Amino acid sequence: MLERQVHFRIENDPLDFNKTINNFKQPDPLRDRIGGFWTSTYHETFGCEYLQSGKIFKPYAHIYKGYLFQVNSKTKAFCVSTQEDEIILKEKYDSNFNHLANDFDCIHVSGEYVKYLRKNRINSNFLHWTCECTWWFNIEMLKLIKVLDGEEIKKFTEVNLIK
């Protein structure tokens, strides 16, 4: 499921895993989560959901770099795709991502679940997430395999997903 993941950064902000914060906090819904490292599942035709979600303003996609990672096959991912998955997070881990990080390398939230939450306005830890993504607690499970330049990213933004 998490075979290849992609991460985007403005091209003059180089990727530096030494800056990764290993304290995982979920602040108020209007701000980003703190700590870890963020990726989205890579698709060869359109990049990823994150790129298509509008988080990167398409006319400026060319000023980004994409970092494509191969995910270690031994990665332990906590996957959230239903309310039942979220109940486990709440009951077993008290919705504390530092506790979750003791047992898992990352948490992956499906795009379908994010859409379901937003459509139905369900109270959730993930209501303010905008698309499918993976929040990494253990970056040792990622191996950089390719750096995508701005022109490659721009081509992804030109794909029309609406048929």
N, C-alpha and C. Protein backbone atom coordinates (compact mmCIF):
# COMPACT_ATOMS: atom_id res chain seq x y z
N MET A 1 0.82 -1.20 0.00
CA MET A 1 0.00 0.00 0.00
C MET A 1 0.86 1.26 0.00
N LEU A 2 1.86 1.33 0.84
CA LEU A 2 2.70 2.52 0.92
C LEU A 2 4.00 2.35 0.14
N GLU A 3 3.94 1.67 -0.98
CA GLU A 3 5.16 1.32 -1.70
C GLU A 3 6.05 2.52 -2.03
N ARG A 4 5.47 3.56 -2.63
CA ARG A 4 6.25 4.76 -2.95
C ARG A 4 5.51 6.00 -2.44
N GLN A 5 6.26 6.88 -1.85
CA GLN A 5 5.71 8.10 -1.27
C GLN A 5 6.48 9.30 -1.82
N VAL A 6 5.80 10.44 -1.91
CA VAL A 6 6.45 11.64 -2.41
C VAL A 6 6.24 12.79 -1.43
N HIS A 7 7.25 13.64 -1.34
CA HIS A 7 7.25 14.81 -0.46
C HIS A 7 7.66 16.01 -1.30
N PHE A 8 7.00 17.14 -1.11
CA PHE A 8 7.30 18.34 -1.89
C PHE A 8 7.85 19.45 -1.00
N ARG A 9 8.80 20.18 -1.56
CA ARG A 9 9.39 21.35 -0.89
C ARG A 9 9.68 22.40 -1.96
N ILE A 10 9.60 23.66 -1.55
CA ILE A 10 10.04 24.74 -2.45
C ILE A 10 11.51 24.49 -2.73
N GLU A 11 11.91 24.69 -3.98
CA GLU A 11 13.23 24.25 -4.42
C GLU A 11 14.39 24.88 -3.66
N ASN A 12 14.23 26.08 -3.10
CA ASN A 12 15.33 26.68 -2.35
C ASN A 12 15.31 26.32 -0.86
N ASP A 13 14.46 25.36 -0.50
CA ASP A 13 14.39 24.85 0.88
C ASP A 13 14.77 23.37 0.85
N PRO A 14 16.07 23.07 0.90
CA PRO A 14 16.52 21.69 0.72
C PRO A 14 16.01 20.75 1.81
N LEU A 15 15.81 19.51 1.40
CA LEU A 15 15.37 18.47 2.33
C LEU A 15 16.50 18.18 3.32
N ASP A 16 16.19 18.25 4.60
CA ASP A 16 17.17 17.99 5.65
C ASP A 16 16.49 17.23 6.77
N PHE A 17 16.71 15.91 6.80
CA PHE A 17 16.08 15.09 7.83
C PHE A 17 16.57 15.44 9.24
N ASN A 18 17.70 16.12 9.35
CA ASN A 18 18.19 16.54 10.67
C ASN A 18 17.26 17.56 11.33
N LYS A 19 16.42 18.21 10.53
CA LYS A 19 15.48 19.20 11.07
C LYS A 19 14.14 18.57 11.49
N THR A 20 14.01 17.27 11.26
CA THR A 20 12.76 16.59 11.61
C THR A 20 12.59 16.55 13.12
N ILE A 21 11.46 17.01 13.59
CA ILE A 21 11.15 17.04 15.02
C ILE A 21 10.54 15.71 15.41
N ASN A 22 11.04 15.12 16.48
CA ASN A 22 10.53 13.82 16.93
C ASN A 22 9.62 13.94 18.13
N ASN A 23 8.81 14.96 18.13
CA ASN A 23 7.76 15.14 19.12
C ASN A 23 6.51 15.45 18.32
N PHE A 24 5.52 14.57 18.36
CA PHE A 24 4.40 14.63 17.43
C PHE A 24 3.18 15.21 18.10
N LYS A 25 2.83 16.43 17.71
CA LYS A 25 1.71 17.13 18.34
C LYS A 25 0.64 17.45 17.32
N GLN A 26 -0.58 17.43 17.77
CA GLN A 26 -1.72 17.79 16.94
C GLN A 26 -2.30 19.07 17.53
N PRO A 27 -1.90 20.25 17.02
CA PRO A 27 -2.43 21.50 17.57
C PRO A 27 -3.84 21.78 17.07
N ASP A 28 -4.28 23.01 17.23
CA ASP A 28 -5.65 23.34 16.83
C ASP A 28 -5.83 23.11 15.33
N PRO A 29 -7.08 22.91 14.91
CA PRO A 29 -7.37 22.52 13.53
C PRO A 29 -6.94 23.52 12.45
N LEU A 30 -6.64 24.74 12.81
CA LEU A 30 -6.27 25.72 11.80
C LEU A 30 -4.76 25.77 11.55
N ARG A 31 -4.02 24.91 12.22
CA ARG A 31 -2.57 24.88 12.04
C ARG A 31 -2.13 23.48 11.63
N ASP A 32 -0.87 23.40 11.19
CA ASP A 32 -0.30 22.10 10.83
C ASP A 32 0.05 21.31 12.07
N ARG A 33 0.14 20.00 11.89
CA ARG A 33 0.64 19.16 12.94
C ARG A 33 2.13 19.44 13.12
N ILE A 34 2.67 19.14 14.27
CA ILE A 34 4.06 19.44 14.57
C ILE A 34 4.84 18.14 14.65
N GLY A 35 6.01 18.12 14.04
CA GLY A 35 6.88 16.96 14.11
C GLY A 35 6.66 15.99 12.97
N GLY A 36 7.57 15.02 12.89
CA GLY A 36 7.46 14.01 11.86
C GLY A 36 7.78 14.53 10.48
N PHE A 37 7.38 13.78 9.49
CA PHE A 37 7.67 14.06 8.09
C PHE A 37 6.46 13.64 7.28
N TRP A 38 6.09 14.43 6.30
CA TRP A 38 4.85 14.23 5.56
C TRP A 38 5.08 13.78 4.13
N THR A 39 4.31 12.80 3.70
CA THR A 39 4.34 12.34 2.32
C THR A 39 2.92 12.03 1.87
N SER A 40 2.80 11.80 0.57
CA SER A 40 1.55 11.35 -0.02
C SER A 40 1.89 10.22 -0.99
N THR A 41 0.98 9.30 -1.19
CA THR A 41 1.23 8.15 -2.05
C THR A 41 1.43 8.60 -3.49
N TYR A 42 2.52 8.15 -4.09
CA TYR A 42 2.92 8.55 -5.44
C TYR A 42 2.15 7.78 -6.50
N HIS A 43 1.67 8.53 -7.52
CA HIS A 43 1.02 7.95 -8.69
C HIS A 43 1.74 8.49 -9.93
N GLU A 44 2.12 7.61 -10.83
CA GLU A 44 2.90 8.02 -11.99
C GLU A 44 2.15 8.96 -12.92
N THR A 45 0.82 8.91 -12.94
CA THR A 45 0.07 9.76 -13.86
C THR A 45 -0.21 11.16 -13.34
N PHE A 46 -0.49 11.30 -12.04
CA PHE A 46 -0.88 12.62 -11.53
C PHE A 46 -0.09 13.07 -10.30
N GLY A 47 0.96 12.38 -9.94
CA GLY A 47 1.78 12.78 -8.80
C GLY A 47 1.29 12.19 -7.51
N CYS A 48 0.31 12.85 -6.91
CA CYS A 48 -0.29 12.36 -5.66
C CYS A 48 -1.50 13.22 -5.32
N GLU A 49 -2.29 12.75 -4.37
CA GLU A 49 -3.48 13.51 -3.96
C GLU A 49 -3.10 14.89 -3.41
N TYR A 50 -2.02 14.94 -2.64
CA TYR A 50 -1.60 16.22 -2.06
C TYR A 50 -1.36 17.26 -3.15
N LEU A 51 -0.67 16.87 -4.20
CA LEU A 51 -0.39 17.80 -5.29
C LEU A 51 -1.68 18.24 -5.98
N GLN A 52 -2.63 17.34 -6.12
CA GLN A 52 -3.89 17.65 -6.79
C GLN A 52 -4.89 18.37 -5.89
N SER A 53 -4.62 18.40 -4.58
CA SER A 53 -5.59 18.98 -3.62
C SER A 53 -5.60 20.49 -3.58
N GLY A 54 -4.65 21.12 -4.25
CA GLY A 54 -4.58 22.58 -4.21
C GLY A 54 -3.64 23.11 -3.14
N LYS A 55 -3.00 22.23 -2.39
CA LYS A 55 -2.05 22.68 -1.37
C LYS A 55 -0.83 23.35 -2.02
N ILE A 56 -0.54 22.94 -3.25
CA ILE A 56 0.50 23.61 -4.03
C ILE A 56 -0.22 24.36 -5.14
N PHE A 57 -0.03 25.67 -5.18
CA PHE A 57 -0.70 26.51 -6.18
C PHE A 57 -0.12 26.17 -7.55
N LYS A 58 -0.95 25.59 -8.40
CA LYS A 58 -0.50 25.00 -9.66
C LYS A 58 0.35 25.92 -10.55
N PRO A 59 0.03 27.20 -10.67
CA PRO A 59 0.90 28.04 -11.52
C PRO A 59 2.34 28.16 -11.00
N TYR A 60 2.56 27.80 -9.75
CA TYR A 60 3.90 27.88 -9.17
C TYR A 60 4.49 26.50 -8.87
N ALA A 61 3.91 25.47 -9.42
CA ALA A 61 4.40 24.11 -9.17
C ALA A 61 5.85 23.94 -9.61
N HIS A 62 6.26 24.71 -10.61
CA HIS A 62 7.62 24.57 -11.14
C HIS A 62 8.71 25.02 -10.15
N ILE A 63 8.34 25.72 -9.07
CA ILE A 63 9.35 26.16 -8.10
C ILE A 63 9.54 25.14 -6.97
N TYR A 64 8.92 23.97 -7.11
CA TYR A 64 9.03 22.91 -6.10
C TYR A 64 9.96 21.81 -6.59
N LYS A 65 10.45 21.05 -5.64
CA LYS A 65 11.11 19.79 -5.90
C LYS A 65 10.28 18.70 -5.23
N GLY A 66 10.26 17.54 -5.85
CA GLY A 66 9.58 16.40 -5.27
C GLY A 66 10.60 15.34 -4.90
N TYR A 67 10.45 14.78 -3.73
CA TYR A 67 11.36 13.75 -3.26
C TYR A 67 10.60 12.44 -3.23
N LEU A 68 10.99 11.53 -4.09
CA LEU A 68 10.30 10.25 -4.22
C LEU A 68 11.04 9.20 -3.38
N PHE A 69 10.29 8.53 -2.53
CA PHE A 69 10.86 7.55 -1.60
C PHE A 69 10.28 6.16 -1.85
N GLN A 70 11.13 5.18 -1.69
CA GLN A 70 10.70 3.79 -1.62
C GLN A 70 10.50 3.49 -0.13
N VAL A 71 9.37 2.89 0.20
CA VAL A 71 9.06 2.57 1.59
C VAL A 71 9.57 1.16 1.90
N ASN A 72 10.25 1.04 3.01
CA ASN A 72 10.76 -0.26 3.47
C ASN A 72 9.59 -1.22 3.65
N SER A 73 9.76 -2.44 3.16
CA SER A 73 8.67 -3.43 3.23
C SER A 73 8.35 -3.83 4.68
N LYS A 74 9.22 -3.53 5.62
CA LYS A 74 8.97 -3.87 7.02
C LYS A 74 8.28 -2.73 7.79
N THR A 75 7.90 -1.70 7.09
CA THR A 75 7.24 -0.56 7.73
C THR A 75 5.95 -0.99 8.41
N LYS A 76 5.79 -0.54 9.65
CA LYS A 76 4.54 -0.76 10.39
C LYS A 76 3.72 0.53 10.32
N ALA A 77 2.65 0.48 9.54
CA ALA A 77 1.80 1.65 9.34
C ALA A 77 0.46 1.47 10.05
N PHE A 78 0.04 2.50 10.77
CA PHE A 78 -1.31 2.52 11.34
C PHE A 78 -2.18 3.19 10.29
N CYS A 79 -3.08 2.43 9.68
CA CYS A 79 -3.89 2.95 8.58
C CYS A 79 -5.29 3.31 9.05
N VAL A 80 -5.70 4.50 8.69
CA VAL A 80 -7.03 4.99 9.07
C VAL A 80 -7.84 5.17 7.79
N SER A 81 -8.85 4.31 7.64
CA SER A 81 -9.73 4.43 6.48
C SER A 81 -11.20 4.31 6.87
N THR A 82 -11.45 4.11 8.18
CA THR A 82 -12.83 4.00 8.67
C THR A 82 -12.91 4.63 10.07
N GLN A 83 -14.14 4.85 10.51
CA GLN A 83 -14.33 5.35 11.88
C GLN A 83 -13.85 4.31 12.90
N GLU A 84 -13.96 3.04 12.57
CA GLU A 84 -13.49 1.99 13.48
C GLU A 84 -11.98 2.11 13.72
N ASP A 85 -11.23 2.44 12.66
CA ASP A 85 -9.78 2.65 12.82
C ASP A 85 -9.51 3.81 13.77
N GLU A 86 -10.29 4.85 13.61
CA GLU A 86 -10.10 6.03 14.47
C GLU A 86 -10.48 5.73 15.92
N ILE A 87 -11.48 4.90 16.13
CA ILE A 87 -11.85 4.50 17.49
C ILE A 87 -10.69 3.77 18.16
N ILE A 88 -10.01 2.92 17.40
CA ILE A 88 -8.83 2.22 17.95
C ILE A 88 -7.77 3.25 18.36
N LEU A 89 -7.54 4.24 17.52
CA LEU A 89 -6.58 5.29 17.84
C LEU A 89 -6.96 6.00 19.14
N LYS A 90 -8.23 6.28 19.30
CA LYS A 90 -8.70 6.98 20.50
C LYS A 90 -8.64 6.10 21.74
N GLU A 91 -9.11 4.84 21.60
CA GLU A 91 -9.18 3.97 22.77
C GLU A 91 -7.83 3.40 23.19
N LYS A 92 -7.03 2.95 22.24
CA LYS A 92 -5.76 2.31 22.57
C LYS A 92 -4.63 3.32 22.80
N TYR A 93 -4.68 4.44 22.06
CA TYR A 93 -3.58 5.41 22.11
C TYR A 93 -4.00 6.77 22.65
N ASP A 94 -5.25 6.90 23.07
CA ASP A 94 -5.76 8.15 23.61
C ASP A 94 -5.53 9.32 22.64
N SER A 95 -5.58 9.01 21.34
CA SER A 95 -5.32 9.99 20.28
C SER A 95 -3.98 10.72 20.47
N ASN A 96 -3.05 10.06 21.11
CA ASN A 96 -1.73 10.64 21.37
C ASN A 96 -0.75 10.05 20.35
N PHE A 97 -0.27 10.90 19.45
CA PHE A 97 0.58 10.42 18.37
C PHE A 97 1.97 10.01 18.85
N ASN A 98 2.42 10.54 19.97
CA ASN A 98 3.68 10.07 20.54
C ASN A 98 3.55 8.63 21.01
N HIS A 99 2.39 8.27 21.56
CA HIS A 99 2.15 6.88 21.97
C HIS A 99 2.07 5.97 20.74
N LEU A 100 1.37 6.46 19.72
CA LEU A 100 1.25 5.69 18.48
C LEU A 100 2.63 5.44 17.87
N ALA A 101 3.50 6.44 17.95
CA ALA A 101 4.85 6.34 17.38
C ALA A 101 5.70 5.28 18.08
N ASN A 102 5.31 4.88 19.29
CA ASN A 102 6.04 3.80 19.97
C ASN A 102 5.79 2.44 19.31
N ASP A 103 4.65 2.30 18.63
CA ASP A 103 4.27 1.02 18.03
C ASP A 103 4.32 1.01 16.50
N PHE A 104 4.30 2.20 15.89
CA PHE A 104 4.21 2.28 14.43
C PHE A 104 5.24 3.26 13.88
N ASP A 105 5.59 3.06 12.61
CA ASP A 105 6.53 3.94 11.92
C ASP A 105 5.83 5.16 11.32
N CYS A 106 4.53 5.03 11.10
CA CYS A 106 3.79 6.14 10.47
C CYS A 106 2.29 5.92 10.68
N ILE A 107 1.55 6.97 10.36
CA ILE A 107 0.09 6.86 10.29
C ILE A 107 -0.31 7.30 8.89
N HIS A 108 -1.13 6.47 8.26
CA HIS A 108 -1.60 6.77 6.90
C HIS A 108 -3.11 6.96 6.96
N VAL A 109 -3.58 8.06 6.41
CA VAL A 109 -5.01 8.35 6.36
C VAL A 109 -5.44 8.36 4.90
N SER A 110 -6.44 7.56 4.59
CA SER A 110 -6.88 7.43 3.20
C SER A 110 -7.65 8.68 2.74
N GLY A 111 -7.54 8.96 1.47
CA GLY A 111 -8.26 10.09 0.89
C GLY A 111 -9.76 9.91 0.97
N GLU A 112 -10.23 8.69 0.79
CA GLU A 112 -11.67 8.43 0.88
C GLU A 112 -12.20 8.74 2.28
N TYR A 113 -11.41 8.42 3.30
CA TYR A 113 -11.85 8.71 4.66
C TYR A 113 -11.88 10.22 4.91
N VAL A 114 -10.90 10.93 4.41
CA VAL A 114 -10.89 12.38 4.56
C VAL A 114 -12.12 12.99 3.88
N LYS A 115 -12.44 12.53 2.68
CA LYS A 115 -13.63 13.03 1.96
C LYS A 115 -14.91 12.70 2.74
N TYR A 116 -14.98 11.51 3.28
CA TYR A 116 -16.15 11.09 4.07
C TYR A 116 -16.33 12.00 5.28
N LEU A 117 -15.24 12.29 5.99
CA LEU A 117 -15.32 13.15 7.17
C LEU A 117 -15.80 14.54 6.80
N ARG A 118 -15.24 15.09 5.75
CA ARG A 118 -15.59 16.45 5.35
C ARG A 118 -17.04 16.54 4.86
N LYS A 119 -17.44 15.55 4.08
CA LYS A 119 -18.81 15.55 3.54
C LYS A 119 -19.83 15.45 4.66
N ASN A 120 -19.55 14.61 5.66
CA ASN A 120 -20.52 14.36 6.73
C ASN A 120 -20.27 15.18 8.00
N ARG A 121 -19.22 16.00 7.97
CA ARG A 121 -18.87 16.88 9.11
C ARG A 121 -18.81 16.13 10.42
N ILE A 122 -18.09 15.03 10.38
CA ILE A 122 -17.96 14.18 11.55
C ILE A 122 -16.81 14.68 12.41
N ASN A 123 -17.03 14.77 13.72
CA ASN A 123 -15.98 15.17 14.63
C ASN A 123 -14.88 14.11 14.60
N SER A 124 -13.66 14.54 14.29
CA SER A 124 -12.58 13.59 14.06
C SER A 124 -11.23 14.27 14.27
N ASN A 125 -10.23 13.46 14.61
CA ASN A 125 -8.86 13.97 14.65
C ASN A 125 -8.39 14.38 13.26
N PHE A 126 -9.06 13.91 12.23
CA PHE A 126 -8.59 14.10 10.86
C PHE A 126 -9.50 15.01 10.03
N LEU A 127 -10.43 15.67 10.67
CA LEU A 127 -11.37 16.52 9.94
C LEU A 127 -10.66 17.64 9.19
N HIS A 128 -9.57 18.16 9.72
CA HIS A 128 -8.87 19.26 9.07
C HIS A 128 -7.78 18.78 8.10
N TRP A 129 -7.62 17.47 7.93
CA TRP A 129 -6.70 16.97 6.91
C TRP A 129 -7.39 17.16 5.56
N THR A 130 -6.64 17.46 4.53
CA THR A 130 -7.25 17.82 3.25
C THR A 130 -7.22 16.72 2.20
N CYS A 131 -6.39 15.71 2.40
CA CYS A 131 -6.26 14.66 1.39
C CYS A 131 -5.51 13.47 1.98
N GLU A 132 -5.38 12.43 1.20
CA GLU A 132 -4.61 11.25 1.59
C GLU A 132 -3.18 11.68 1.92
N CYS A 133 -2.67 11.19 3.01
CA CYS A 133 -1.27 11.47 3.34
C CYS A 133 -0.77 10.51 4.40
N THR A 134 0.54 10.54 4.57
CA THR A 134 1.20 9.70 5.55
C THR A 134 2.08 10.59 6.41
N TRP A 135 1.94 10.44 7.72
CA TRP A 135 2.73 11.20 8.69
C TRP A 135 3.74 10.23 9.27
N TRP A 136 5.01 10.46 8.98
CA TRP A 136 6.09 9.55 9.36
C TRP A 136 6.66 9.91 10.71
N PHE A 137 6.75 8.91 11.56
CA PHE A 137 7.42 9.05 12.86
C PHE A 137 8.84 8.51 12.77
N ASN A 138 9.04 7.53 11.89
CA ASN A 138 10.34 6.88 11.73
C ASN A 138 10.80 7.03 10.28
N ILE A 139 11.60 8.04 10.02
CA ILE A 139 12.03 8.31 8.65
C ILE A 139 13.07 7.31 8.14
N GLU A 140 13.56 6.45 9.02
CA GLU A 140 14.50 5.41 8.60
C GLU A 140 13.84 4.41 7.64
N MET A 141 12.52 4.42 7.58
CA MET A 141 11.80 3.50 6.71
C MET A 141 11.67 4.03 5.28
N LEU A 142 12.22 5.21 5.03
CA LEU A 142 12.14 5.82 3.70
C LEU A 142 13.52 5.85 3.05
N LYS A 143 13.57 5.45 1.78
CA LYS A 143 14.82 5.51 1.02
C LYS A 143 14.58 6.40 -0.20
N LEU A 144 15.33 7.48 -0.30
CA LEU A 144 15.20 8.40 -1.44
C LEU A 144 15.63 7.69 -2.72
N ILE A 145 14.74 7.68 -3.71
CA ILE A 145 15.08 7.02 -4.97
C ILE A 145 15.14 7.99 -6.16
N LYS A 146 14.53 9.17 -6.01
CA LYS A 146 14.55 10.12 -7.12
C LYS A 146 14.15 11.50 -6.62
N VAL A 147 14.74 12.52 -7.23
CA VAL A 147 14.32 13.90 -6.98
C VAL A 147 13.64 14.38 -8.25
N LEU A 148 12.39 14.82 -8.11
CA LEU A 148 11.61 15.33 -9.23
C LEU A 148 11.85 16.83 -9.34
N ASP A 149 12.13 17.31 -10.56
CA ASP A 149 12.34 18.76 -10.72
C ASP A 149 11.00 19.46 -10.95
N GLY A 150 11.05 20.77 -10.96
CA GLY A 150 9.84 21.57 -11.08
C GLY A 150 9.04 21.31 -12.34
N GLU A 151 9.72 21.05 -13.44
CA GLU A 151 9.00 20.77 -14.69
C GLU A 151 8.23 19.45 -14.62
N GLU A 152 8.80 18.45 -13.96
CA GLU A 152 8.08 17.18 -13.78
C GLU A 152 6.84 17.39 -12.92
N ILE A 153 6.99 18.19 -11.87
CA ILE A 153 5.85 18.47 -10.99
C ILE A 153 4.78 19.25 -11.73
N LYS A 154 5.21 20.23 -12.50
CA LYS A 154 4.25 21.04 -13.28
C LYS A 154 3.43 20.15 -14.22
N LYS A 155 4.07 19.15 -14.85
CA LYS A 155 3.34 18.24 -15.75
C LYS A 155 2.25 17.47 -15.00
N PHE A 156 2.53 17.08 -13.77
CA PHE A 156 1.51 16.40 -12.97
C PHE A 156 0.30 17.30 -12.74
N THR A 157 0.55 18.59 -12.51
CA THR A 157 -0.57 19.51 -12.23
C THR A 157 -1.43 19.75 -13.46
N GLU A 158 -0.91 19.44 -14.64
CA GLU A 158 -1.66 19.64 -15.88
C GLU A 158 -2.57 18.47 -16.22
N VAL A 159 -2.47 17.39 -15.44
CA VAL A 159 -3.33 16.21 -15.66
C VAL A 159 -4.75 16.55 -15.21
N ASN A 160 -5.72 16.31 -16.07
CA ASN A 160 -7.11 16.56 -15.74
C ASN A 160 -7.72 15.28 -15.18
N LEU A 161 -8.00 15.28 -13.89
CA LEU A 161 -8.55 14.08 -13.24
C LEU A 161 -10.06 13.99 -13.37
N ILE A 162 -10.71 15.08 -13.77
CA ILE A 162 -12.17 15.08 -13.93
C ILE A 162 -12.49 14.65 -15.34
N LYS A 163 -13.29 13.61 -15.45
CA LYS A 163 -13.62 13.08 -16.78
C LYS A 163 -15.05 13.36 -17.13
